[in-house]
């Protein structure tokens, strides 16, 4: 992995996808602030790279900056509009980001911030969006379902040890989106 990482770093013209991949490496090894900064750089190169907003929000949450996380998750949801998912295969990234994942994490972060009514509404919106995805018959949705199945380990719930608000239960659960192995 070190050799592949150095190859990415040595590239003179790093596009948003390359910077995104570098950020993801740092996220995986736990360098959350470095990952956050690199996701920011990727977004400067491509402000419509929704998955970079999503991952930066994940870093913010894990860094206990839930206001920033909420802002990025909310921007990501707005950029997705009514799309059920975004498939990044055309950019050379084997990733599918589903709208319900973004909405679910908005609910979690709102709960962490003590915004319980907003959290419940966001949870309901996420459930509706997930239902829409599961009942869709389009070929694009079928591709998304296939891609999501390959990401099953990455979509397992990740327990967060503590929350700023210390809401009942003391844990948050976020859906983590890591690149498939």
N, C-alpha and C. Protein backbone atom coordinates (compact mmCIF):
# COMPACT_ATOMS: atom_id res chain seq x y z
N UNK A 1 0.83 -1.19 0.00
CA UNK A 1 0.00 0.00 0.00
C UNK A 1 0.88 1.26 0.00
N UNK A 2 2.02 1.20 0.67
CA UNK A 2 2.91 2.35 0.71
C UNK A 2 3.36 2.75 -0.70
N UNK A 3 3.68 1.75 -1.51
CA UNK A 3 4.15 2.03 -2.86
C UNK A 3 3.05 2.67 -3.70
N UNK A 4 1.84 2.15 -3.60
CA UNK A 4 0.72 2.73 -4.35
C UNK A 4 0.45 4.15 -3.89
N UNK A 5 0.52 4.38 -2.59
CA UNK A 5 0.29 5.72 -2.05
C UNK A 5 1.34 6.70 -2.58
N UNK A 6 2.59 6.29 -2.56
CA UNK A 6 3.66 7.17 -3.06
C UNK A 6 3.47 7.46 -4.55
N UNK A 7 2.97 6.47 -5.30
CA UNK A 7 2.72 6.69 -6.74
C UNK A 7 1.68 7.78 -6.94
N UNK A 8 0.62 7.75 -6.13
CA UNK A 8 -0.41 8.79 -6.21
C UNK A 8 0.19 10.15 -5.84
N UNK A 9 0.97 10.19 -4.79
CA UNK A 9 1.55 11.45 -4.32
C UNK A 9 2.50 12.06 -5.34
N UNK A 10 3.20 11.20 -6.10
CA UNK A 10 4.18 11.67 -7.05
C UNK A 10 3.57 12.20 -8.35
N UNK A 11 2.30 11.97 -8.56
CA UNK A 11 1.65 12.45 -9.78
C UNK A 11 1.63 13.98 -9.76
N UNK A 12 2.03 14.57 -10.87
CA UNK A 12 2.09 16.02 -10.96
C UNK A 12 0.69 16.62 -11.02
N UNK A 13 -0.16 16.08 -11.87
CA UNK A 13 -1.50 16.60 -12.06
C UNK A 13 -2.50 15.71 -11.33
N UNK A 14 -2.76 16.05 -10.10
CA UNK A 14 -3.68 15.23 -9.29
C UNK A 14 -5.10 15.77 -9.46
N UNK A 15 -5.94 14.99 -10.15
CA UNK A 15 -7.34 15.39 -10.31
C UNK A 15 -8.11 15.07 -9.04
N UNK A 16 -9.38 15.42 -9.03
CA UNK A 16 -10.19 15.23 -7.82
C UNK A 16 -10.28 13.76 -7.39
N UNK A 17 -10.33 12.85 -8.35
CA UNK A 17 -10.43 11.43 -8.02
C UNK A 17 -9.16 10.93 -7.33
N UNK A 18 -8.01 11.38 -7.80
CA UNK A 18 -6.74 10.98 -7.18
C UNK A 18 -6.64 11.54 -5.77
N UNK A 19 -6.97 12.82 -5.61
CA UNK A 19 -6.93 13.43 -4.28
C UNK A 19 -7.94 12.74 -3.35
N UNK A 20 -9.11 12.39 -3.89
CA UNK A 20 -10.11 11.65 -3.12
C UNK A 20 -9.52 10.33 -2.63
N UNK A 21 -8.84 9.61 -3.51
CA UNK A 21 -8.25 8.32 -3.13
C UNK A 21 -7.17 8.50 -2.06
N UNK A 22 -6.35 9.55 -2.18
CA UNK A 22 -5.35 9.83 -1.15
C UNK A 22 -6.03 10.10 0.19
N UNK A 23 -7.11 10.87 0.16
CA UNK A 23 -7.85 11.17 1.38
C UNK A 23 -8.40 9.90 2.00
N UNK A 24 -8.91 9.02 1.17
CA UNK A 24 -9.50 7.78 1.66
C UNK A 24 -8.44 6.90 2.33
N UNK A 25 -7.23 6.88 1.78
CA UNK A 25 -6.15 6.14 2.42
C UNK A 25 -5.91 6.69 3.82
N UNK A 26 -5.85 8.01 3.94
CA UNK A 26 -5.63 8.62 5.26
C UNK A 26 -6.79 8.34 6.20
N UNK A 27 -7.99 8.34 5.67
CA UNK A 27 -9.16 8.05 6.51
C UNK A 27 -9.08 6.62 7.05
N UNK A 28 -8.73 5.69 6.19
CA UNK A 28 -8.67 4.29 6.57
C UNK A 28 -7.62 4.06 7.66
N UNK A 29 -6.48 4.75 7.56
CA UNK A 29 -5.42 4.53 8.56
C UNK A 29 -5.59 5.43 9.78
N UNK A 30 -6.64 6.24 9.79
CA UNK A 30 -6.96 7.01 10.98
C UNK A 30 -6.40 8.42 11.04
N UNK A 31 -5.82 8.90 9.96
CA UNK A 31 -5.33 10.28 9.90
C UNK A 31 -6.50 11.18 9.47
N UNK A 32 -7.44 11.38 10.38
CA UNK A 32 -8.69 12.03 10.02
C UNK A 32 -8.53 13.49 9.60
N UNK A 33 -7.66 14.24 10.26
CA UNK A 33 -7.49 15.64 9.87
C UNK A 33 -6.85 15.76 8.50
N UNK A 34 -5.86 14.90 8.22
CA UNK A 34 -5.24 14.90 6.90
C UNK A 34 -6.27 14.51 5.85
N UNK A 35 -7.07 13.49 6.14
CA UNK A 35 -8.13 13.07 5.23
C UNK A 35 -9.11 14.21 4.98
N UNK A 36 -9.52 14.89 6.05
CA UNK A 36 -10.44 16.02 5.93
C UNK A 36 -9.85 17.07 4.98
N UNK A 37 -8.60 17.42 5.18
CA UNK A 37 -7.95 18.44 4.35
C UNK A 37 -7.87 18.00 2.88
N UNK A 38 -7.58 16.72 2.65
CA UNK A 38 -7.51 16.23 1.28
C UNK A 38 -8.89 16.16 0.63
N UNK A 39 -9.92 15.79 1.39
CA UNK A 39 -11.28 15.84 0.83
C UNK A 39 -11.64 17.27 0.45
N UNK A 40 -11.20 18.23 1.27
CA UNK A 40 -11.43 19.64 0.95
C UNK A 40 -10.73 20.01 -0.35
N UNK A 41 -9.49 19.53 -0.52
CA UNK A 41 -8.77 19.78 -1.77
C UNK A 41 -9.48 19.16 -2.96
N UNK A 42 -9.98 17.94 -2.80
CA UNK A 42 -10.73 17.29 -3.88
C UNK A 42 -11.97 18.11 -4.25
N UNK A 43 -12.63 18.66 -3.23
CA UNK A 43 -13.82 19.48 -3.48
C UNK A 43 -13.48 20.81 -4.14
N UNK A 44 -12.29 21.33 -3.88
CA UNK A 44 -11.85 22.55 -4.58
C UNK A 44 -11.65 22.26 -6.07
N UNK A 45 -11.22 21.05 -6.39
CA UNK A 45 -11.02 20.66 -7.79
C UNK A 45 -12.34 20.30 -8.46
N UNK A 46 -13.27 19.75 -7.69
CA UNK A 46 -14.59 19.36 -8.22
C UNK A 46 -15.64 19.55 -7.13
N UNK A 47 -16.29 20.72 -7.10
CA UNK A 47 -17.26 21.00 -6.04
C UNK A 47 -18.52 20.13 -6.10
N UNK A 48 -18.68 19.33 -7.17
CA UNK A 48 -19.85 18.47 -7.30
C UNK A 48 -19.55 17.01 -6.96
N UNK A 49 -18.38 16.75 -6.42
CA UNK A 49 -17.99 15.39 -6.04
C UNK A 49 -18.66 15.06 -4.70
N UNK A 50 -19.89 14.63 -4.79
CA UNK A 50 -20.73 14.42 -3.60
C UNK A 50 -20.09 13.45 -2.62
N UNK A 51 -19.45 12.43 -3.12
CA UNK A 51 -18.86 11.43 -2.23
C UNK A 51 -17.73 12.04 -1.39
N UNK A 52 -17.05 13.06 -1.91
CA UNK A 52 -16.01 13.73 -1.12
C UNK A 52 -16.66 14.54 0.01
N UNK A 53 -17.79 15.18 -0.27
CA UNK A 53 -18.54 15.87 0.79
C UNK A 53 -18.96 14.88 1.87
N UNK A 54 -19.46 13.74 1.41
CA UNK A 54 -19.92 12.70 2.33
C UNK A 54 -18.77 12.22 3.23
N UNK A 55 -17.65 11.91 2.62
CA UNK A 55 -16.52 11.41 3.40
C UNK A 55 -15.93 12.49 4.31
N UNK A 56 -15.91 13.74 3.84
CA UNK A 56 -15.43 14.82 4.70
C UNK A 56 -16.36 14.97 5.90
N UNK A 57 -17.65 14.81 5.68
CA UNK A 57 -18.60 14.86 6.79
C UNK A 57 -18.34 13.73 7.78
N UNK A 58 -18.00 12.56 7.27
CA UNK A 58 -17.66 11.44 8.16
C UNK A 58 -16.46 11.81 9.03
N UNK A 59 -15.43 12.39 8.41
CA UNK A 59 -14.24 12.82 9.17
C UNK A 59 -14.65 13.85 10.22
N UNK A 60 -15.46 14.81 9.84
CA UNK A 60 -15.90 15.85 10.79
C UNK A 60 -16.59 15.22 11.99
N UNK A 61 -17.46 14.26 11.73
CA UNK A 61 -18.18 13.61 12.82
C UNK A 61 -17.20 12.89 13.75
N UNK A 62 -16.30 12.15 13.17
CA UNK A 62 -15.33 11.41 13.99
C UNK A 62 -14.38 12.34 14.73
N UNK A 63 -14.19 13.55 14.20
CA UNK A 63 -13.38 14.55 14.87
C UNK A 63 -14.21 15.39 15.85
N UNK A 64 -15.44 14.96 16.07
CA UNK A 64 -16.37 15.63 16.99
C UNK A 64 -16.72 17.05 16.55
N UNK A 65 -16.77 17.26 15.25
CA UNK A 65 -17.20 18.55 14.69
C UNK A 65 -18.52 18.33 13.97
N UNK A 66 -19.55 18.06 14.77
CA UNK A 66 -20.84 17.67 14.20
C UNK A 66 -21.55 18.78 13.44
N UNK A 67 -21.32 20.03 13.78
CA UNK A 67 -21.93 21.12 13.00
C UNK A 67 -21.39 21.10 11.58
N UNK A 68 -20.07 20.90 11.44
CA UNK A 68 -19.46 20.80 10.11
C UNK A 68 -19.96 19.56 9.38
N UNK A 69 -20.09 18.46 10.11
CA UNK A 69 -20.60 17.23 9.50
C UNK A 69 -22.01 17.44 8.96
N UNK A 70 -22.85 18.07 9.76
CA UNK A 70 -24.23 18.32 9.34
C UNK A 70 -24.25 19.20 8.09
N UNK A 71 -23.41 20.21 8.06
CA UNK A 71 -23.36 21.10 6.89
C UNK A 71 -22.97 20.32 5.63
N UNK A 72 -21.95 19.47 5.72
CA UNK A 72 -21.51 18.71 4.54
C UNK A 72 -22.53 17.64 4.14
N UNK A 73 -23.10 16.93 5.10
CA UNK A 73 -24.13 15.94 4.74
C UNK A 73 -25.32 16.63 4.08
N UNK A 74 -25.70 17.80 4.58
CA UNK A 74 -26.83 18.54 4.02
C UNK A 74 -26.52 19.01 2.60
N UNK A 75 -25.29 19.50 2.37
CA UNK A 75 -24.88 19.89 1.02
C UNK A 75 -24.90 18.68 0.08
N UNK A 76 -24.41 17.55 0.58
CA UNK A 76 -24.39 16.34 -0.25
C UNK A 76 -25.81 15.94 -0.65
N UNK A 77 -26.73 15.97 0.29
CA UNK A 77 -28.13 15.63 -0.01
C UNK A 77 -28.71 16.60 -1.04
N UNK A 78 -28.40 17.88 -0.90
CA UNK A 78 -28.91 18.88 -1.83
C UNK A 78 -28.35 18.65 -3.24
N UNK A 79 -27.07 18.31 -3.33
CA UNK A 79 -26.46 18.05 -4.64
C UNK A 79 -27.05 16.81 -5.29
N UNK A 80 -27.47 15.86 -4.49
CA UNK A 80 -28.05 14.62 -5.04
C UNK A 80 -29.47 14.85 -5.55
N UNK A 81 -30.09 15.94 -5.12
CA UNK A 81 -31.48 16.26 -5.45
C UNK A 81 -32.36 15.05 -5.15
N UNK A 82 -33.04 14.53 -6.14
CA UNK A 82 -33.92 13.37 -5.93
C UNK A 82 -33.31 12.07 -6.44
N UNK A 83 -32.02 12.11 -6.81
CA UNK A 83 -31.36 10.90 -7.30
C UNK A 83 -31.30 9.86 -6.19
N UNK A 84 -31.54 8.63 -6.53
CA UNK A 84 -31.49 7.54 -5.55
C UNK A 84 -30.05 7.23 -5.15
N UNK A 85 -29.12 7.44 -6.08
CA UNK A 85 -27.72 7.12 -5.84
C UNK A 85 -26.85 7.84 -6.85
N UNK A 86 -25.56 7.86 -6.58
CA UNK A 86 -24.57 8.34 -7.55
C UNK A 86 -23.57 7.20 -7.72
N UNK A 87 -23.36 6.79 -8.96
CA UNK A 87 -22.43 5.73 -9.29
C UNK A 87 -21.16 6.37 -9.83
N UNK A 88 -20.03 6.13 -9.19
CA UNK A 88 -18.77 6.77 -9.56
C UNK A 88 -17.88 5.91 -10.46
N UNK A 89 -18.42 4.84 -11.03
CA UNK A 89 -17.62 3.98 -11.90
C UNK A 89 -17.04 4.74 -13.08
N UNK A 90 -17.79 5.70 -13.61
CA UNK A 90 -17.30 6.44 -14.78
C UNK A 90 -16.06 7.27 -14.46
N UNK A 91 -15.82 7.54 -13.17
CA UNK A 91 -14.62 8.27 -12.75
C UNK A 91 -13.50 7.32 -12.33
N UNK A 92 -13.73 6.03 -12.54
CA UNK A 92 -12.72 5.05 -12.18
C UNK A 92 -12.73 4.66 -10.71
N UNK A 93 -13.79 5.04 -10.00
CA UNK A 93 -13.91 4.69 -8.59
C UNK A 93 -15.08 3.71 -8.45
N UNK A 94 -14.82 2.56 -7.89
CA UNK A 94 -15.87 1.55 -7.72
C UNK A 94 -16.70 1.88 -6.49
N UNK A 95 -17.43 2.98 -6.58
CA UNK A 95 -18.23 3.44 -5.45
C UNK A 95 -19.64 3.79 -5.91
N UNK A 96 -20.58 3.50 -5.07
CA UNK A 96 -21.96 3.94 -5.25
C UNK A 96 -22.38 4.58 -3.94
N UNK A 97 -22.78 5.83 -4.01
CA UNK A 97 -23.28 6.53 -2.83
C UNK A 97 -24.78 6.64 -2.95
N UNK A 98 -25.48 6.06 -2.01
CA UNK A 98 -26.94 6.10 -2.02
C UNK A 98 -27.45 7.27 -1.20
N UNK A 99 -28.51 7.87 -1.70
CA UNK A 99 -29.10 9.03 -1.05
C UNK A 99 -29.54 8.70 0.38
N UNK A 100 -30.07 7.50 0.59
CA UNK A 100 -30.54 7.15 1.93
C UNK A 100 -29.39 7.13 2.94
N UNK A 101 -28.15 6.81 2.47
CA UNK A 101 -27.00 6.83 3.37
C UNK A 101 -26.76 8.26 3.89
N UNK A 102 -26.83 9.21 2.97
CA UNK A 102 -26.61 10.61 3.34
C UNK A 102 -27.69 11.05 4.33
N UNK A 103 -28.94 10.74 4.01
CA UNK A 103 -30.06 11.15 4.88
C UNK A 103 -29.98 10.46 6.25
N UNK A 104 -29.56 9.21 6.27
CA UNK A 104 -29.41 8.49 7.55
C UNK A 104 -28.38 9.17 8.43
N UNK A 105 -27.29 9.60 7.81
CA UNK A 105 -26.24 10.24 8.59
C UNK A 105 -26.62 11.65 9.03
N UNK A 106 -27.46 12.31 8.26
CA UNK A 106 -28.00 13.60 8.71
C UNK A 106 -28.78 13.37 10.00
N UNK A 107 -29.58 12.31 10.03
CA UNK A 107 -30.37 11.98 11.23
C UNK A 107 -29.46 11.71 12.43
N UNK A 108 -28.41 10.95 12.21
CA UNK A 108 -27.49 10.62 13.31
C UNK A 108 -26.82 11.88 13.86
N UNK A 109 -26.33 12.72 12.97
CA UNK A 109 -25.63 13.92 13.41
C UNK A 109 -26.59 14.87 14.12
N UNK A 110 -27.81 15.00 13.60
CA UNK A 110 -28.80 15.83 14.29
C UNK A 110 -29.07 15.30 15.69
N UNK A 111 -29.14 13.99 15.83
CA UNK A 111 -29.34 13.37 17.14
C UNK A 111 -28.16 13.71 18.06
N UNK A 112 -26.96 13.63 17.53
CA UNK A 112 -25.77 13.97 18.31
C UNK A 112 -25.78 15.42 18.76
N UNK A 113 -26.37 16.28 17.95
CA UNK A 113 -26.44 17.70 18.28
C UNK A 113 -27.66 18.04 19.14
N UNK A 114 -28.44 17.01 19.48
CA UNK A 114 -29.62 17.23 20.32
C UNK A 114 -30.82 17.75 19.56
N UNK A 115 -30.80 17.66 18.24
CA UNK A 115 -31.91 18.11 17.40
C UNK A 115 -32.83 16.92 17.12
N UNK A 116 -33.50 16.45 18.15
CA UNK A 116 -34.24 15.19 18.07
C UNK A 116 -35.38 15.20 17.08
N UNK A 117 -36.15 16.31 16.99
CA UNK A 117 -37.25 16.35 16.03
C UNK A 117 -36.73 16.30 14.60
N UNK A 118 -35.68 17.07 14.34
CA UNK A 118 -35.07 17.06 13.01
C UNK A 118 -34.46 15.71 12.69
N UNK A 119 -33.90 15.06 13.69
CA UNK A 119 -33.31 13.74 13.49
C UNK A 119 -34.37 12.73 13.07
N UNK A 120 -35.51 12.78 13.72
CA UNK A 120 -36.59 11.84 13.39
C UNK A 120 -37.10 12.08 11.97
N UNK A 121 -37.26 13.32 11.58
CA UNK A 121 -37.72 13.64 10.22
C UNK A 121 -36.70 13.16 9.19
N UNK A 122 -35.43 13.37 9.47
CA UNK A 122 -34.38 12.91 8.55
C UNK A 122 -34.35 11.39 8.48
N UNK A 123 -34.57 10.72 9.61
CA UNK A 123 -34.62 9.26 9.62
C UNK A 123 -35.77 8.75 8.75
N UNK A 124 -36.92 9.42 8.86
CA UNK A 124 -38.07 9.04 8.03
C UNK A 124 -37.79 9.26 6.54
N UNK A 125 -37.16 10.39 6.23
CA UNK A 125 -36.79 10.66 4.83
C UNK A 125 -35.83 9.60 4.30
N UNK A 126 -34.89 9.18 5.14
CA UNK A 126 -33.93 8.15 4.74
C UNK A 126 -34.65 6.82 4.48
N UNK A 127 -35.58 6.47 5.35
CA UNK A 127 -36.34 5.23 5.18
C UNK A 127 -37.15 5.26 3.88
N UNK A 128 -37.75 6.40 3.58
CA UNK A 128 -38.51 6.53 2.33
C UNK A 128 -37.61 6.41 1.12
N UNK A 129 -36.44 7.04 1.17
CA UNK A 129 -35.50 6.99 0.05
C UNK A 129 -34.97 5.56 -0.13
N UNK A 130 -34.70 4.87 0.97
CA UNK A 130 -34.23 3.47 0.89
C UNK A 130 -35.32 2.59 0.27
N UNK A 131 -36.57 2.84 0.63
CA UNK A 131 -37.69 2.08 0.07
C UNK A 131 -37.79 2.34 -1.43
N UNK A 132 -37.63 3.60 -1.83
CA UNK A 132 -37.67 3.93 -3.27
C UNK A 132 -36.57 3.19 -4.02
N UNK A 133 -35.39 3.12 -3.43
CA UNK A 133 -34.29 2.41 -4.08
C UNK A 133 -34.60 0.93 -4.19
N UNK A 134 -35.14 0.35 -3.13
CA UNK A 134 -35.38 -1.10 -3.14
C UNK A 134 -36.51 -1.50 -4.08
N UNK A 135 -37.41 -0.58 -4.41
CA UNK A 135 -38.53 -0.92 -5.30
C UNK A 135 -38.32 -0.42 -6.72
N UNK A 136 -37.21 0.24 -7.00
CA UNK A 136 -36.95 0.76 -8.34
C UNK A 136 -36.59 -0.39 -9.27
N UNK A 137 -37.03 -0.29 -10.50
CA UNK A 137 -36.78 -1.36 -11.48
C UNK A 137 -35.83 -0.95 -12.60
N UNK A 138 -35.28 0.25 -12.53
CA UNK A 138 -34.43 0.70 -13.63
C UNK A 138 -33.11 -0.06 -13.66
N UNK A 139 -32.48 -0.10 -14.83
CA UNK A 139 -31.19 -0.77 -14.97
C UNK A 139 -30.14 -0.08 -14.11
N UNK A 140 -30.20 1.25 -14.01
CA UNK A 140 -29.23 1.97 -13.19
C UNK A 140 -29.36 1.54 -11.74
N UNK A 141 -30.59 1.35 -11.27
CA UNK A 141 -30.77 0.91 -9.89
C UNK A 141 -30.26 -0.51 -9.70
N UNK A 142 -30.43 -1.34 -10.71
CA UNK A 142 -29.92 -2.71 -10.63
C UNK A 142 -28.39 -2.68 -10.50
N UNK A 143 -27.75 -1.81 -11.26
CA UNK A 143 -26.30 -1.66 -11.15
C UNK A 143 -25.92 -1.18 -9.76
N UNK A 144 -26.71 -0.26 -9.21
CA UNK A 144 -26.42 0.24 -7.87
C UNK A 144 -26.58 -0.86 -6.83
N UNK A 145 -27.63 -1.67 -6.97
CA UNK A 145 -27.83 -2.79 -6.04
C UNK A 145 -26.64 -3.74 -6.10
N UNK A 146 -26.17 -4.05 -7.32
CA UNK A 146 -25.02 -4.94 -7.49
C UNK A 146 -23.78 -4.34 -6.84
N UNK A 147 -23.56 -3.06 -7.10
CA UNK A 147 -22.39 -2.39 -6.52
C UNK A 147 -22.49 -2.35 -5.00
N UNK A 148 -23.67 -2.10 -4.48
CA UNK A 148 -23.84 -2.05 -3.03
C UNK A 148 -23.57 -3.41 -2.40
N UNK A 149 -23.99 -4.47 -3.08
CA UNK A 149 -23.73 -5.81 -2.53
C UNK A 149 -22.23 -6.06 -2.42
N UNK A 150 -21.44 -5.51 -3.34
CA UNK A 150 -20.00 -5.70 -3.27
C UNK A 150 -19.39 -4.86 -2.14
N UNK A 151 -20.16 -3.87 -1.65
CA UNK A 151 -19.67 -3.01 -0.59
C UNK A 151 -20.22 -3.41 0.78
N UNK A 152 -20.85 -4.57 0.88
CA UNK A 152 -21.51 -4.96 2.13
C UNK A 152 -20.61 -4.78 3.36
N UNK A 153 -19.35 -5.24 3.35
CA UNK A 153 -18.53 -5.01 4.54
C UNK A 153 -18.38 -3.53 4.86
N UNK A 154 -18.28 -2.70 3.83
CA UNK A 154 -18.10 -1.27 4.04
C UNK A 154 -19.36 -0.60 4.55
N UNK A 155 -20.50 -1.21 4.33
CA UNK A 155 -21.76 -0.60 4.74
C UNK A 155 -22.22 -1.07 6.10
N UNK A 156 -21.41 -1.90 6.76
CA UNK A 156 -21.78 -2.30 8.11
C UNK A 156 -21.79 -1.08 9.01
N UNK A 157 -22.62 -1.12 10.02
CA UNK A 157 -22.70 0.03 10.92
C UNK A 157 -21.43 0.16 11.73
N UNK A 158 -21.00 1.39 11.87
CA UNK A 158 -19.81 1.71 12.64
C UNK A 158 -20.25 2.39 13.92
N UNK A 159 -19.86 1.85 15.04
CA UNK A 159 -20.23 2.45 16.33
C UNK A 159 -19.26 3.57 16.66
N UNK A 160 -19.80 4.68 17.07
CA UNK A 160 -19.02 5.82 17.50
C UNK A 160 -19.11 5.86 19.02
N UNK A 161 -17.98 5.91 19.67
CA UNK A 161 -17.94 5.76 21.13
C UNK A 161 -18.70 6.84 21.88
N UNK A 162 -18.65 8.07 21.43
CA UNK A 162 -19.33 9.11 22.18
C UNK A 162 -19.82 10.20 21.25
N UNK A 163 -20.69 11.01 21.78
CA UNK A 163 -21.34 12.06 21.02
C UNK A 163 -21.19 13.36 21.79
N UNK A 164 -21.14 14.47 21.11
CA UNK A 164 -21.03 15.75 21.80
C UNK A 164 -22.19 15.97 22.76
N UNK A 165 -23.38 15.60 22.36
CA UNK A 165 -24.54 15.87 23.19
C UNK A 165 -24.74 14.82 24.27
N UNK A 166 -24.07 13.68 24.14
CA UNK A 166 -24.24 12.60 25.12
C UNK A 166 -25.67 12.09 25.15
N UNK A 167 -26.33 12.03 23.97
CA UNK A 167 -27.72 11.60 23.95
C UNK A 167 -27.87 10.20 24.53
N UNK A 168 -29.08 9.86 24.88
CA UNK A 168 -29.36 8.59 25.53
C UNK A 168 -28.73 7.43 24.75
N UNK A 169 -28.04 6.61 25.43
CA UNK A 169 -27.36 5.48 24.80
C UNK A 169 -25.89 5.76 24.58
N UNK A 170 -25.52 7.03 24.43
CA UNK A 170 -24.12 7.42 24.33
C UNK A 170 -23.39 6.96 23.09
N UNK A 171 -24.10 6.42 22.10
CA UNK A 171 -23.44 5.98 20.88
C UNK A 171 -24.17 6.53 19.67
N UNK A 172 -23.41 6.75 18.61
CA UNK A 172 -23.98 7.11 17.32
C UNK A 172 -23.69 5.95 16.38
N UNK A 173 -24.48 5.82 15.37
CA UNK A 173 -24.21 4.83 14.34
C UNK A 173 -24.24 5.54 13.01
N UNK A 174 -23.15 5.46 12.27
CA UNK A 174 -23.08 6.02 10.93
C UNK A 174 -22.84 4.90 9.94
N UNK A 175 -23.40 5.06 8.76
CA UNK A 175 -23.08 4.14 7.68
C UNK A 175 -21.76 4.61 7.08
N UNK A 176 -20.80 3.73 7.05
CA UNK A 176 -19.48 4.09 6.54
C UNK A 176 -19.38 3.67 5.08
N UNK A 177 -18.83 4.56 4.27
CA UNK A 177 -18.63 4.25 2.87
C UNK A 177 -17.14 4.19 2.60
N UNK A 178 -16.60 3.00 2.57
CA UNK A 178 -15.20 2.80 2.24
C UNK A 178 -15.14 2.15 0.87
N UNK A 179 -14.07 2.36 0.14
CA UNK A 179 -13.96 1.70 -1.17
C UNK A 179 -13.94 0.18 -0.98
N UNK A 180 -14.54 -0.55 -1.90
CA UNK A 180 -14.50 -2.00 -1.76
C UNK A 180 -13.08 -2.52 -1.86
N UNK A 181 -12.78 -3.65 -1.21
CA UNK A 181 -11.41 -4.18 -1.24
C UNK A 181 -10.94 -4.55 -2.62
